[in-house]
Structures are given as structure tokens and as C-alpha cells.
Amino acid sequence: MKKIYVSLTGYDFKNYESKFKELKKFNISEVCLFLTALPHKHHKYVFEKLLHSNIKYIPLVHISHETTKSEIEFLKKNFKTKYFNIHAKNLNDLDKYIPYTKNILLETHPEVEFNETLFLKTGGFCIDVAHFWRAKEIQSKDYFQILKFKNYKLFKCNHLSGYKKNWGDLHDIKNEKSFEYLREVPKFVFGNILAIELMDTINTQLKVKKIIEKILKI
């Protein structure tokens, strides 16, 4: 069953702090986590806040190149995290996550080719749908790389953000039209875990969640 999750996102403590308060207010116990915009030295703060929150399940975490195996183990143990996504440039660091490489998913990016041999050591794709749609728009090489795997069961998770033609992904939402592109995205791209990737408040993300659920008929 496909499910859309709101996400903990932010550039600094203040962003995360306010979202933790909202998660408590709305009694949300399941959330996805994006750590890449926050300096690694501050990730410990988020982990400590999570331990003292009402969050019970984090299905997907966008880790940074500095994330350690012990942090992977912490998230798996305490929040039953199944998948962790990385960027193409971090495929060379896969070995440091042994024996959890099949929990690692690749997030592609327009105009960035990925090593297909290393990719096959991972658990599959975490397709950022706006990135995919931009890659299709400009017909970049990574788009055709993704298409090679369309008949394989490697599409596990997604990032969901807005989209603007001739621009790409939007992480701060201005109107509902930003999500209309999702109607045209081929079904094979979508996994079962869909994480909203917006810097907006949890309240706004909940509204966006309803919009996307209606578009994708989830």
C-alpha cells in the first residue's frame, strides 16, 4: 500500500524545533526525515529530540555523505527505519554501510549520470519525482538510465515536491498548481513510501498531502 508522509525538514534548529511542536500538536507518530540541509554536527540534536518525541516510525531518511553506520543503526533500532537515500556522488561510499547496503536507495538528479554497477549494490531507487520530471523535460542522460530499470522492482520510495516548467523542483509551495505535473508521471516511478519534501510547516504539508492523495488516488 502506498502512503504519503509529512517530513521533518529544515536548515537550522529553529526549523526543526517548530516542526517538532507541530508534530506533537497534530499527534503525528510517523514521519520521514531529511537531514542533508542541516550541518552533520547538529544531527545529534535532531536524534535526541526524536527520542523524546512521540515519533514511533520513520520509514525513510535522506542521509548526508557524513552519515555513519552507527547513525543508520540508531535509526533502524529506535524508529524501524527501512530506507536511507543518498545522491549519486555518494555511491562510492556504499561499503561503509555494509551490511545495510540494501537499505540504501539512490536519489537521481537531472544531468547527473550514476554508476549503474554501484547502483545495483543498493536496494533500488528513491525517485525524487520533480527531479525525474525535470530530467524528462530536458531529456538528460540520467532520465534514460532510469528508464532502463522501469520493468524491475527497484522503485521503493519517493520525494514529493512542487514543480515549475523550465525550472524544476519547488520546496516552498505557493499554490496547488505546483503538483499538477504528478498526474502525468508514469506509475512505475512511484514506490510505497512517499515523503513530502517541502520546507513548509507541517500544517501546510498536511494540506499538500491531501492534494497529492487526490491526484494520485491514494
Protein backbone atom coordinates (compact mmCIF):
# COMPACT_ATOMS: atom_id res chain seq x y z
CA MET A 1 0.00 0.00 0.00
CA LYS A 2 1.30 3.41 -0.97
CA LYS A 3 1.40 6.01 1.78
CA ILE A 4 2.33 9.69 1.83
CA TYR A 5 4.21 11.01 4.87
CA VAL A 6 4.87 14.54 6.08
CA SER A 7 8.54 15.22 6.76
CA LEU A 8 10.90 16.80 9.24
CA THR A 9 12.92 19.29 7.20
CA GLY A 10 14.91 22.42 7.88
CA TYR A 11 18.08 24.44 7.55
CA ASP A 12 18.63 25.03 11.25
CA PHE A 13 17.46 24.20 14.79
CA LYS A 14 14.63 26.70 14.58
CA ASN A 15 13.05 24.94 11.60
CA TYR A 16 13.18 21.54 13.29
CA GLU A 17 12.09 22.91 16.65
CA SER A 18 8.90 24.39 15.22
CA LYS A 19 8.09 21.21 13.30
CA PHE A 20 8.56 19.03 16.39
CA LYS A 21 5.97 21.20 18.13
CA GLU A 22 3.57 20.80 15.23
CA LEU A 23 4.03 17.03 15.12
CA LYS A 24 3.08 16.89 18.77
CA LYS A 25 0.13 19.24 18.23
CA PHE A 26 -1.26 17.09 15.40
CA ASN A 27 -0.45 13.85 17.23
CA ILE A 28 1.66 12.55 14.34
CA SER A 29 3.76 9.49 15.14
CA GLU A 30 5.02 8.61 11.63
CA VAL A 31 7.23 10.97 9.66
CA CYS A 32 10.06 10.97 7.13
CA LEU A 33 13.31 12.76 7.89
CA PHE A 34 15.53 14.98 5.72
CA LEU A 35 18.95 15.72 7.20
CA THR A 36 21.02 16.98 4.26
CA ALA A 37 20.32 20.70 4.70
CA LEU A 38 21.42 20.64 8.34
CA PRO A 39 25.16 20.50 9.25
CA HIS A 40 26.13 17.00 10.33
CA LYS A 41 27.40 18.20 13.72
CA HIS A 42 23.81 19.22 14.50
CA HIS A 43 22.21 15.89 13.58
CA LYS A 44 22.71 14.65 17.13
CA TYR A 45 20.32 17.36 18.28
CA VAL A 46 17.60 16.02 15.97
CA PHE A 47 18.19 12.44 17.13
CA GLU A 48 17.87 13.48 20.78
CA LYS A 49 14.68 15.39 20.05
CA LEU A 50 13.28 12.36 18.24
CA LEU A 51 13.96 10.11 21.23
CA HIS A 52 11.88 12.43 23.42
CA SER A 53 9.10 12.93 20.89
CA ASN A 54 6.01 10.90 20.07
CA ILE A 55 7.56 9.72 16.79
CA LYS A 56 7.49 5.93 16.57
CA TYR A 57 8.20 5.22 12.90
CA ILE A 58 10.49 6.88 10.33
CA PRO A 59 10.23 4.85 7.10
CA LEU A 60 12.70 6.94 5.07
CA VAL A 61 15.65 9.16 5.95
CA HIS A 62 17.58 11.33 3.49
CA ILE A 63 21.08 10.97 4.90
CA SER A 64 24.18 13.04 4.17
CA HIS A 65 27.59 11.89 2.94
CA GLU A 66 28.79 12.24 6.54
CA THR A 67 26.20 9.88 7.99
CA THR A 68 27.85 6.96 9.78
CA LYS A 69 26.88 3.31 10.06
CA SER A 70 26.20 3.82 13.76
CA GLU A 71 23.63 6.51 12.89
CA ILE A 72 21.98 4.09 10.45
CA GLU A 73 21.83 1.53 13.26
CA PHE A 74 20.41 4.11 15.68
CA LEU A 75 17.56 4.95 13.31
CA LYS A 76 16.81 1.33 12.48
CA LYS A 77 16.78 0.34 16.16
CA ASN A 78 14.73 3.24 17.52
CA PHE A 79 12.45 4.13 14.61
CA LYS A 80 12.32 0.99 12.44
CA THR A 81 13.74 2.92 9.51
CA LYS A 82 13.81 0.73 6.43
CA TYR A 83 15.33 3.00 3.78
CA PHE A 84 18.03 5.68 3.60
CA ASN A 85 18.54 7.63 0.41
CA ILE A 86 21.76 9.08 -0.97
CA HIS A 87 22.89 11.03 -4.03
CA ALA A 88 24.78 9.56 -6.99
CA LYS A 89 28.13 11.01 -5.86
CA ASN A 90 27.87 9.01 -2.63
CA LEU A 91 27.59 5.61 -4.32
CA ASN A 92 31.36 5.29 -3.92
CA ASP A 93 30.88 5.27 -0.13
CA LEU A 94 28.48 2.32 -0.06
CA ASP A 95 30.94 -0.06 1.60
CA LYS A 96 30.92 1.94 4.82
CA TYR A 97 27.28 0.94 5.28
CA ILE A 98 27.81 -2.82 4.98
CA PRO A 99 25.70 -4.86 5.90
CA TYR A 100 22.96 -2.26 5.26
CA THR A 101 23.63 -1.52 1.58
CA LYS A 102 20.25 -2.95 0.53
CA ASN A 103 18.63 -0.36 2.81
CA ILE A 104 20.35 2.38 0.82
CA LEU A 105 18.43 3.91 -2.11
CA LEU A 106 19.65 6.19 -4.88
CA GLU A 107 18.11 9.60 -5.47
CA THR A 108 18.87 10.70 -9.03
CA HIS A 109 19.31 14.27 -10.16
CA PRO A 110 18.85 15.89 -13.59
CA GLU A 111 22.02 15.87 -15.68
CA VAL A 112 23.90 13.71 -13.15
CA GLU A 113 24.70 10.26 -14.53
CA PHE A 114 25.04 7.47 -11.97
CA ASN A 115 27.26 4.40 -11.81
CA GLU A 116 24.86 1.58 -12.69
CA THR A 117 27.16 -1.14 -11.34
CA LEU A 118 27.33 0.51 -7.92
CA PHE A 119 23.62 1.30 -8.06
CA LEU A 120 22.81 -2.41 -8.33
CA LYS A 121 24.50 -2.93 -4.96
CA THR A 122 21.84 -0.74 -3.35
CA GLY A 123 18.21 -1.55 -2.61
CA GLY A 124 16.95 0.48 -5.59
CA PHE A 125 15.63 3.97 -6.24
CA CYS A 126 14.22 6.75 -4.13
CA ILE A 127 12.97 8.81 -7.07
CA ASP A 128 12.56 12.50 -6.44
CA VAL A 129 9.58 12.90 -8.74
CA ALA A 130 10.30 16.55 -9.59
CA HIS A 131 13.90 15.62 -10.46
CA PHE A 132 12.61 12.83 -12.69
CA TRP A 133 10.18 15.17 -14.41
CA ARG A 134 12.88 17.76 -14.99
CA ALA A 135 15.17 15.06 -16.41
CA LYS A 136 12.39 14.06 -18.79
CA GLU A 137 11.78 17.69 -19.77
CA ILE A 138 15.40 18.24 -20.76
CA GLN A 139 15.94 14.63 -21.91
CA SER A 140 19.07 14.26 -19.81
CA LYS A 141 21.12 11.05 -19.72
CA ASP A 142 20.01 10.12 -16.20
CA TYR A 143 16.41 10.02 -17.43
CA PHE A 144 17.27 7.27 -19.91
CA GLN A 145 19.30 5.46 -17.25
CA ILE A 146 16.21 5.31 -15.05
CA LEU A 147 14.09 4.02 -17.93
CA LYS A 148 16.43 1.03 -18.28
CA PHE A 149 15.14 -0.24 -14.94
CA LYS A 150 11.42 0.50 -15.41
CA ASN A 151 10.48 -3.19 -15.50
CA TYR A 152 12.41 -4.05 -12.35
CA LYS A 153 11.07 -3.84 -8.80
CA LEU A 154 13.60 -1.23 -7.77
CA PHE A 155 11.36 1.81 -7.25
CA LYS A 156 10.90 1.80 -3.47
CA CYS A 157 10.42 5.39 -2.27
CA ASN A 158 9.84 8.94 -3.50
CA HIS A 159 10.36 12.56 -2.63
CA LEU A 160 7.37 14.74 -3.45
CA SER A 161 7.76 18.45 -4.08
CA GLY A 162 6.27 21.04 -6.38
CA TYR A 163 7.36 21.61 -9.97
CA LYS A 164 7.80 24.57 -12.29
CA LYS A 165 8.31 24.12 -16.02
CA ASN A 166 11.75 25.20 -17.25
CA TRP A 167 12.90 25.34 -13.66
CA GLY A 168 12.41 22.09 -11.76
CA ASP A 169 11.62 21.27 -8.12
CA LEU A 170 9.96 23.68 -5.71
CA HIS A 171 10.42 23.20 -1.97
CA ASP A 172 8.34 26.15 -0.81
CA ILE A 173 4.78 25.93 -2.05
CA LYS A 174 2.81 28.88 -3.37
CA ASN A 175 -0.25 27.15 -4.89
CA GLU A 176 -1.84 23.81 -5.73
CA LYS A 177 -0.87 24.02 -9.40
CA SER A 178 2.68 23.15 -8.38
CA PHE A 179 1.56 19.50 -8.06
CA GLU A 180 -0.46 19.11 -11.25
CA TYR A 181 2.55 17.55 -13.01
CA LEU A 182 2.09 14.46 -10.85
CA ARG A 183 -0.92 13.49 -12.97
CA GLU A 184 1.39 12.86 -15.93
CA VAL A 185 4.19 10.98 -14.18
CA PRO A 186 4.28 7.26 -15.15
CA LYS A 187 3.12 4.90 -12.42
CA PHE A 188 6.28 2.76 -12.41
CA VAL A 189 8.20 5.65 -10.82
CA PHE A 190 6.20 5.53 -7.57
CA GLY A 191 7.14 3.32 -4.64
CA ASN A 192 5.12 2.63 -1.50
CA ILE A 193 6.81 5.23 0.73
CA LEU A 194 6.26 8.80 -0.49
CA ALA A 195 7.87 11.59 1.52
CA ILE A 196 6.80 15.21 1.13
CA GLU A 197 9.98 17.25 0.65
CA LEU A 198 8.97 20.79 1.49
CA MET A 199 10.41 23.36 3.85
CA ASP A 200 6.88 24.47 4.68
CA THR A 201 5.23 23.89 8.04
CA ILE A 202 3.71 20.53 9.00
CA ASN A 203 0.30 22.20 8.79
CA THR A 204 0.96 23.14 5.16
CA GLN A 205 2.39 19.71 4.44
CA LEU A 206 -0.81 18.09 5.73
CA LYS A 207 -2.82 20.21 3.28
CA VAL A 208 -0.43 19.27 0.47
CA LYS A 209 -0.74 15.62 1.48
CA LYS A 210 -4.49 15.73 0.84
CA ILE A 211 -3.95 17.39 -2.54
CA ILE A 212 -1.42 14.77 -3.65
CA GLU A 213 -3.52 11.88 -2.32
CA LYS A 214 -6.38 13.11 -4.51
CA ILE A 215 -4.14 13.48 -7.58
CA LEU A 216 -2.50 10.07 -7.16
CA LYS A 217 -5.72 8.44 -5.91
CA ILE A 218 -4.10 7.04 -2.79
